[in-house]
């Protein structure tokens, strides 16, 4: 694995561990983490961000996604319309990679 992937994996694990300590939000986070990659593929990054902003636990997973992506690409995906068109697919690919790690660790650490 490349160093950037290892760093993203480590940070994703830390973020999911934060949620593991909050019993109330674990199940919804796990559900969203499982769906995140599919949502990005089907709806695109902008559609997924818009959807998650309207979910109660969506802000938590979005914050984690923002942080993981911004570690690799210096762009503010909290405002996806501000992402330059030439960079959009690159940002979306990094977001998919981040969603993969969030899902893996959520399934390991949050499953009851």
N, C-alpha and C. Protein backbone atom coordinates (compact mmCIF):
# COMPACT_ATOMS: atom_id res chain seq x y z
N UNK A 1 0.83 -1.19 0.00
CA UNK A 1 0.00 0.00 0.00
C UNK A 1 0.88 1.25 0.00
N UNK A 2 0.42 2.24 -0.70
CA UNK A 2 1.16 3.50 -0.73
C UNK A 2 1.02 4.21 0.61
N UNK A 3 1.95 5.12 0.87
CA UNK A 3 1.93 5.87 2.12
C UNK A 3 0.67 6.70 2.28
N UNK A 4 0.18 7.31 1.19
CA UNK A 4 -1.05 8.11 1.27
C UNK A 4 -2.24 7.25 1.66
N UNK A 5 -2.30 6.04 1.11
CA UNK A 5 -3.39 5.13 1.46
C UNK A 5 -3.30 4.72 2.92
N UNK A 6 -2.10 4.43 3.38
CA UNK A 6 -1.92 4.04 4.78
C UNK A 6 -2.32 5.18 5.71
N UNK A 7 -1.96 6.38 5.35
CA UNK A 7 -2.32 7.54 6.17
C UNK A 7 -3.83 7.73 6.20
N UNK A 8 -4.47 7.57 5.04
CA UNK A 8 -5.93 7.71 4.98
C UNK A 8 -6.59 6.62 5.82
N UNK A 9 -6.08 5.40 5.73
CA UNK A 9 -6.64 4.29 6.50
C UNK A 9 -6.52 4.56 8.00
N UNK A 10 -5.36 5.05 8.42
CA UNK A 10 -5.15 5.35 9.84
C UNK A 10 -6.10 6.44 10.32
N UNK A 11 -6.24 7.48 9.54
CA UNK A 11 -7.13 8.58 9.93
C UNK A 11 -8.60 8.14 9.94
N UNK A 12 -8.97 7.31 8.98
CA UNK A 12 -10.34 6.79 8.95
C UNK A 12 -10.63 5.98 10.21
N UNK A 13 -9.67 5.16 10.61
CA UNK A 13 -9.85 4.37 11.82
C UNK A 13 -10.04 5.27 13.04
N UNK A 14 -9.25 6.32 13.14
CA UNK A 14 -9.39 7.26 14.26
C UNK A 14 -10.77 7.90 14.28
N UNK A 15 -11.26 8.29 13.11
CA UNK A 15 -12.57 8.95 13.02
C UNK A 15 -13.69 8.00 13.43
N UNK A 16 -13.62 6.76 12.97
CA UNK A 16 -14.66 5.79 13.32
C UNK A 16 -14.60 5.45 14.80
N UNK A 17 -13.41 5.41 15.37
CA UNK A 17 -13.28 5.15 16.81
C UNK A 17 -13.97 6.23 17.63
N UNK A 18 -13.95 7.47 17.14
CA UNK A 18 -14.66 8.55 17.84
C UNK A 18 -16.15 8.25 17.92
N UNK A 19 -16.70 7.72 16.85
CA UNK A 19 -18.13 7.40 16.81
C UNK A 19 -18.42 6.17 17.67
N UNK A 20 -17.47 5.25 17.77
CA UNK A 20 -17.68 4.02 18.53
C UNK A 20 -17.97 4.30 20.00
N UNK A 21 -17.52 5.44 20.49
CA UNK A 21 -17.76 5.80 21.89
C UNK A 21 -19.13 6.43 22.13
N UNK A 22 -19.85 6.70 21.05
CA UNK A 22 -21.18 7.31 21.15
C UNK A 22 -22.23 6.28 20.76
N UNK A 23 -22.76 5.56 21.71
CA UNK A 23 -23.69 4.46 21.44
C UNK A 23 -24.90 4.90 20.64
N UNK A 24 -25.36 6.10 20.86
CA UNK A 24 -26.58 6.59 20.23
C UNK A 24 -26.46 6.68 18.71
N UNK A 25 -25.32 7.08 18.19
CA UNK A 25 -25.19 7.34 16.76
C UNK A 25 -24.49 6.23 15.98
N UNK A 26 -24.08 5.17 16.65
CA UNK A 26 -23.31 4.12 15.98
C UNK A 26 -24.06 3.48 14.82
N UNK A 27 -25.30 3.10 15.03
CA UNK A 27 -26.04 2.37 14.00
C UNK A 27 -26.28 3.22 12.75
N UNK A 28 -26.67 4.47 12.93
CA UNK A 28 -26.92 5.32 11.76
C UNK A 28 -25.61 5.61 11.02
N UNK A 29 -24.53 5.80 11.75
CA UNK A 29 -23.23 6.02 11.10
C UNK A 29 -22.84 4.79 10.29
N UNK A 30 -23.02 3.61 10.86
CA UNK A 30 -22.69 2.36 10.17
C UNK A 30 -23.51 2.24 8.88
N UNK A 31 -24.79 2.54 8.96
CA UNK A 31 -25.66 2.48 7.79
C UNK A 31 -25.18 3.46 6.71
N UNK A 32 -24.88 4.68 7.10
CA UNK A 32 -24.41 5.67 6.13
C UNK A 32 -23.04 5.30 5.56
N UNK A 33 -22.16 4.76 6.39
CA UNK A 33 -20.83 4.36 5.91
C UNK A 33 -20.95 3.25 4.87
N UNK A 34 -21.88 2.33 5.10
CA UNK A 34 -22.08 1.24 4.13
C UNK A 34 -22.61 1.75 2.80
N UNK A 35 -23.39 2.80 2.82
CA UNK A 35 -24.01 3.33 1.60
C UNK A 35 -23.18 4.40 0.90
N UNK A 36 -22.21 4.96 1.58
CA UNK A 36 -21.50 6.14 1.09
C UNK A 36 -20.88 5.96 -0.29
N UNK A 37 -20.14 4.89 -0.49
CA UNK A 37 -19.49 4.66 -1.78
C UNK A 37 -20.49 4.54 -2.92
N UNK A 38 -21.56 3.78 -2.68
CA UNK A 38 -22.60 3.63 -3.70
C UNK A 38 -23.28 4.95 -4.01
N UNK A 39 -23.51 5.75 -2.98
CA UNK A 39 -24.14 7.05 -3.20
C UNK A 39 -23.25 7.95 -4.07
N UNK A 40 -21.94 7.91 -3.81
CA UNK A 40 -21.02 8.74 -4.60
C UNK A 40 -21.02 8.28 -6.06
N UNK A 41 -21.02 6.98 -6.28
CA UNK A 41 -21.03 6.45 -7.65
C UNK A 41 -22.33 6.79 -8.36
N UNK A 42 -23.46 6.60 -7.68
CA UNK A 42 -24.76 6.80 -8.32
C UNK A 42 -25.14 8.27 -8.47
N UNK A 43 -24.85 9.07 -7.46
CA UNK A 43 -25.33 10.46 -7.44
C UNK A 43 -24.23 11.49 -7.67
N UNK A 44 -23.00 11.05 -7.68
CA UNK A 44 -21.89 11.99 -7.76
C UNK A 44 -21.60 12.58 -6.39
N UNK A 45 -20.49 13.22 -6.28
CA UNK A 45 -20.08 13.79 -5.00
C UNK A 45 -21.01 14.91 -4.55
N UNK A 46 -21.41 15.77 -5.47
CA UNK A 46 -22.29 16.89 -5.11
C UNK A 46 -23.63 16.38 -4.60
N UNK A 47 -24.22 15.42 -5.30
CA UNK A 47 -25.51 14.86 -4.88
C UNK A 47 -25.43 14.18 -3.53
N UNK A 48 -24.34 13.47 -3.30
CA UNK A 48 -24.15 12.77 -2.03
C UNK A 48 -24.00 13.76 -0.88
N UNK A 49 -23.22 14.79 -1.07
CA UNK A 49 -23.03 15.80 -0.03
C UNK A 49 -24.35 16.48 0.29
N UNK A 50 -25.11 16.82 -0.73
CA UNK A 50 -26.41 17.46 -0.53
C UNK A 50 -27.34 16.56 0.27
N UNK A 51 -27.38 15.27 -0.06
CA UNK A 51 -28.23 14.32 0.65
C UNK A 51 -27.80 14.20 2.11
N UNK A 52 -26.51 14.03 2.34
CA UNK A 52 -26.03 13.81 3.70
C UNK A 52 -26.21 15.03 4.60
N UNK A 53 -26.21 16.21 4.02
CA UNK A 53 -26.43 17.41 4.83
C UNK A 53 -27.83 17.43 5.44
N UNK A 54 -28.73 16.64 4.88
CA UNK A 54 -30.11 16.59 5.38
C UNK A 54 -30.37 15.41 6.30
N UNK A 55 -29.35 14.61 6.59
CA UNK A 55 -29.50 13.48 7.51
C UNK A 55 -28.93 13.88 8.87
N UNK A 56 -29.54 13.37 9.94
CA UNK A 56 -29.08 13.76 11.28
C UNK A 56 -27.63 13.35 11.53
N UNK A 57 -27.25 12.15 11.15
CA UNK A 57 -25.88 11.68 11.36
C UNK A 57 -25.00 12.02 10.15
N UNK A 58 -25.60 12.57 9.11
CA UNK A 58 -24.86 12.89 7.90
C UNK A 58 -23.74 13.88 8.12
N UNK A 59 -23.93 14.82 9.04
CA UNK A 59 -22.89 15.82 9.28
C UNK A 59 -21.63 15.19 9.87
N UNK A 60 -21.80 14.15 10.65
CA UNK A 60 -20.63 13.50 11.26
C UNK A 60 -19.80 12.81 10.18
N UNK A 61 -20.46 11.98 9.37
CA UNK A 61 -19.71 11.26 8.33
C UNK A 61 -19.18 12.22 7.27
N UNK A 62 -19.92 13.29 6.99
CA UNK A 62 -19.43 14.30 6.05
C UNK A 62 -18.16 14.97 6.57
N UNK A 63 -18.15 15.29 7.85
CA UNK A 63 -16.95 15.88 8.45
C UNK A 63 -15.76 14.96 8.32
N UNK A 64 -16.00 13.67 8.52
CA UNK A 64 -14.91 12.70 8.37
C UNK A 64 -14.46 12.63 6.92
N UNK A 65 -15.42 12.62 6.00
CA UNK A 65 -15.09 12.58 4.57
C UNK A 65 -14.31 13.83 4.17
N UNK A 66 -14.76 14.99 4.61
CA UNK A 66 -14.07 16.25 4.30
C UNK A 66 -12.61 16.18 4.76
N UNK A 67 -12.42 15.73 5.98
CA UNK A 67 -11.07 15.71 6.53
C UNK A 67 -10.17 14.74 5.77
N UNK A 68 -10.68 13.55 5.47
CA UNK A 68 -9.87 12.56 4.77
C UNK A 68 -9.50 13.04 3.36
N UNK A 69 -10.44 13.64 2.66
CA UNK A 69 -10.17 14.13 1.30
C UNK A 69 -9.20 15.30 1.35
N UNK A 70 -9.40 16.22 2.27
CA UNK A 70 -8.54 17.41 2.32
C UNK A 70 -7.10 17.07 2.71
N UNK A 71 -6.89 15.92 3.31
CA UNK A 71 -5.52 15.49 3.62
C UNK A 71 -4.75 15.16 2.35
N UNK A 72 -5.48 14.77 1.30
CA UNK A 72 -4.82 14.37 0.05
C UNK A 72 -4.90 15.44 -1.03
N UNK A 73 -5.98 16.19 -1.05
CA UNK A 73 -6.17 17.22 -2.07
C UNK A 73 -6.57 18.51 -1.35
N UNK A 74 -5.82 19.57 -1.54
CA UNK A 74 -6.15 20.83 -0.84
C UNK A 74 -7.36 21.53 -1.48
N UNK A 75 -8.54 21.00 -1.19
CA UNK A 75 -9.77 21.56 -1.74
C UNK A 75 -10.86 21.46 -0.68
N UNK A 76 -11.76 22.40 -0.68
CA UNK A 76 -12.86 22.42 0.30
C UNK A 76 -14.08 21.75 -0.31
N UNK A 77 -14.28 20.46 0.00
CA UNK A 77 -15.43 19.76 -0.59
C UNK A 77 -16.72 20.03 0.16
N UNK A 78 -16.65 20.81 1.23
CA UNK A 78 -17.90 21.19 1.89
C UNK A 78 -18.71 22.11 0.98
N UNK A 79 -18.03 22.69 0.01
CA UNK A 79 -18.68 23.51 -1.03
C UNK A 79 -18.27 22.92 -2.38
N UNK A 80 -18.86 21.78 -2.74
CA UNK A 80 -18.41 21.07 -3.95
C UNK A 80 -18.54 21.88 -5.23
N UNK A 81 -19.45 22.83 -5.25
CA UNK A 81 -19.60 23.66 -6.46
C UNK A 81 -18.37 24.55 -6.68
N UNK A 82 -17.56 24.71 -5.64
CA UNK A 82 -16.35 25.53 -5.78
C UNK A 82 -15.14 24.72 -6.25
N UNK A 83 -15.31 23.40 -6.36
CA UNK A 83 -14.22 22.55 -6.85
C UNK A 83 -14.08 22.78 -8.35
N UNK A 84 -12.88 23.12 -8.82
CA UNK A 84 -12.69 23.34 -10.26
C UNK A 84 -13.12 22.10 -11.05
N UNK A 85 -13.75 22.33 -12.18
CA UNK A 85 -14.28 21.24 -13.00
C UNK A 85 -13.19 20.23 -13.36
N UNK A 86 -12.00 20.70 -13.65
CA UNK A 86 -10.91 19.81 -14.05
C UNK A 86 -10.48 18.89 -12.90
N UNK A 87 -10.76 19.27 -11.66
CA UNK A 87 -10.37 18.48 -10.50
C UNK A 87 -11.50 17.63 -9.93
N UNK A 88 -12.72 17.83 -10.41
CA UNK A 88 -13.89 17.20 -9.79
C UNK A 88 -13.77 15.68 -9.74
N UNK A 89 -13.39 15.04 -10.85
CA UNK A 89 -13.33 13.58 -10.86
C UNK A 89 -12.19 13.05 -10.00
N UNK A 90 -11.12 13.80 -9.90
CA UNK A 90 -10.02 13.41 -9.02
C UNK A 90 -10.48 13.48 -7.56
N UNK A 91 -11.17 14.55 -7.21
CA UNK A 91 -11.69 14.70 -5.85
C UNK A 91 -12.70 13.59 -5.56
N UNK A 92 -13.55 13.30 -6.53
CA UNK A 92 -14.54 12.24 -6.35
C UNK A 92 -13.87 10.89 -6.15
N UNK A 93 -12.78 10.61 -6.88
CA UNK A 93 -12.05 9.35 -6.72
C UNK A 93 -11.44 9.25 -5.32
N UNK A 94 -10.89 10.34 -4.82
CA UNK A 94 -10.33 10.34 -3.46
C UNK A 94 -11.45 10.16 -2.44
N UNK A 95 -12.60 10.77 -2.67
CA UNK A 95 -13.75 10.60 -1.77
C UNK A 95 -14.21 9.14 -1.76
N UNK A 96 -14.18 8.48 -2.91
CA UNK A 96 -14.53 7.05 -2.96
C UNK A 96 -13.55 6.22 -2.15
N UNK A 97 -12.27 6.54 -2.27
CA UNK A 97 -11.25 5.84 -1.49
C UNK A 97 -11.49 6.05 0.01
N UNK A 98 -11.79 7.27 0.39
CA UNK A 98 -12.07 7.57 1.80
C UNK A 98 -13.30 6.83 2.27
N UNK A 99 -14.33 6.76 1.43
CA UNK A 99 -15.56 6.06 1.82
C UNK A 99 -15.30 4.57 2.04
N UNK A 100 -14.38 4.03 1.25
CA UNK A 100 -14.02 2.61 1.40
C UNK A 100 -13.43 2.36 2.79
N UNK A 101 -12.52 3.23 3.22
CA UNK A 101 -11.90 3.05 4.53
C UNK A 101 -12.88 3.31 5.67
N UNK A 102 -13.74 4.30 5.52
CA UNK A 102 -14.75 4.55 6.56
C UNK A 102 -15.67 3.35 6.70
N UNK A 103 -16.07 2.77 5.59
CA UNK A 103 -16.95 1.60 5.62
C UNK A 103 -16.25 0.42 6.29
N UNK A 104 -15.02 0.14 5.89
CA UNK A 104 -14.29 -0.99 6.47
C UNK A 104 -14.19 -0.88 7.99
N UNK A 105 -13.77 0.28 8.46
CA UNK A 105 -13.60 0.44 9.90
C UNK A 105 -14.93 0.52 10.63
N UNK A 106 -15.93 1.08 10.01
CA UNK A 106 -17.26 1.11 10.64
C UNK A 106 -17.78 -0.30 10.82
N UNK A 107 -17.59 -1.15 9.82
CA UNK A 107 -18.06 -2.53 9.93
C UNK A 107 -17.29 -3.30 10.99
N UNK A 108 -16.03 -2.98 11.17
CA UNK A 108 -15.23 -3.67 12.18
C UNK A 108 -15.53 -3.14 13.58
N UNK A 109 -15.55 -1.83 13.74
CA UNK A 109 -15.61 -1.22 15.07
C UNK A 109 -17.02 -0.94 15.58
N UNK A 110 -18.00 -0.83 14.69
CA UNK A 110 -19.34 -0.43 15.13
C UNK A 110 -20.35 -1.56 15.07
N UNK A 111 -20.01 -2.65 14.44
CA UNK A 111 -20.95 -3.76 14.33
C UNK A 111 -21.18 -4.38 15.70
N UNK A 112 -22.45 -4.65 15.99
CA UNK A 112 -22.77 -5.21 17.31
C UNK A 112 -23.07 -6.67 17.23
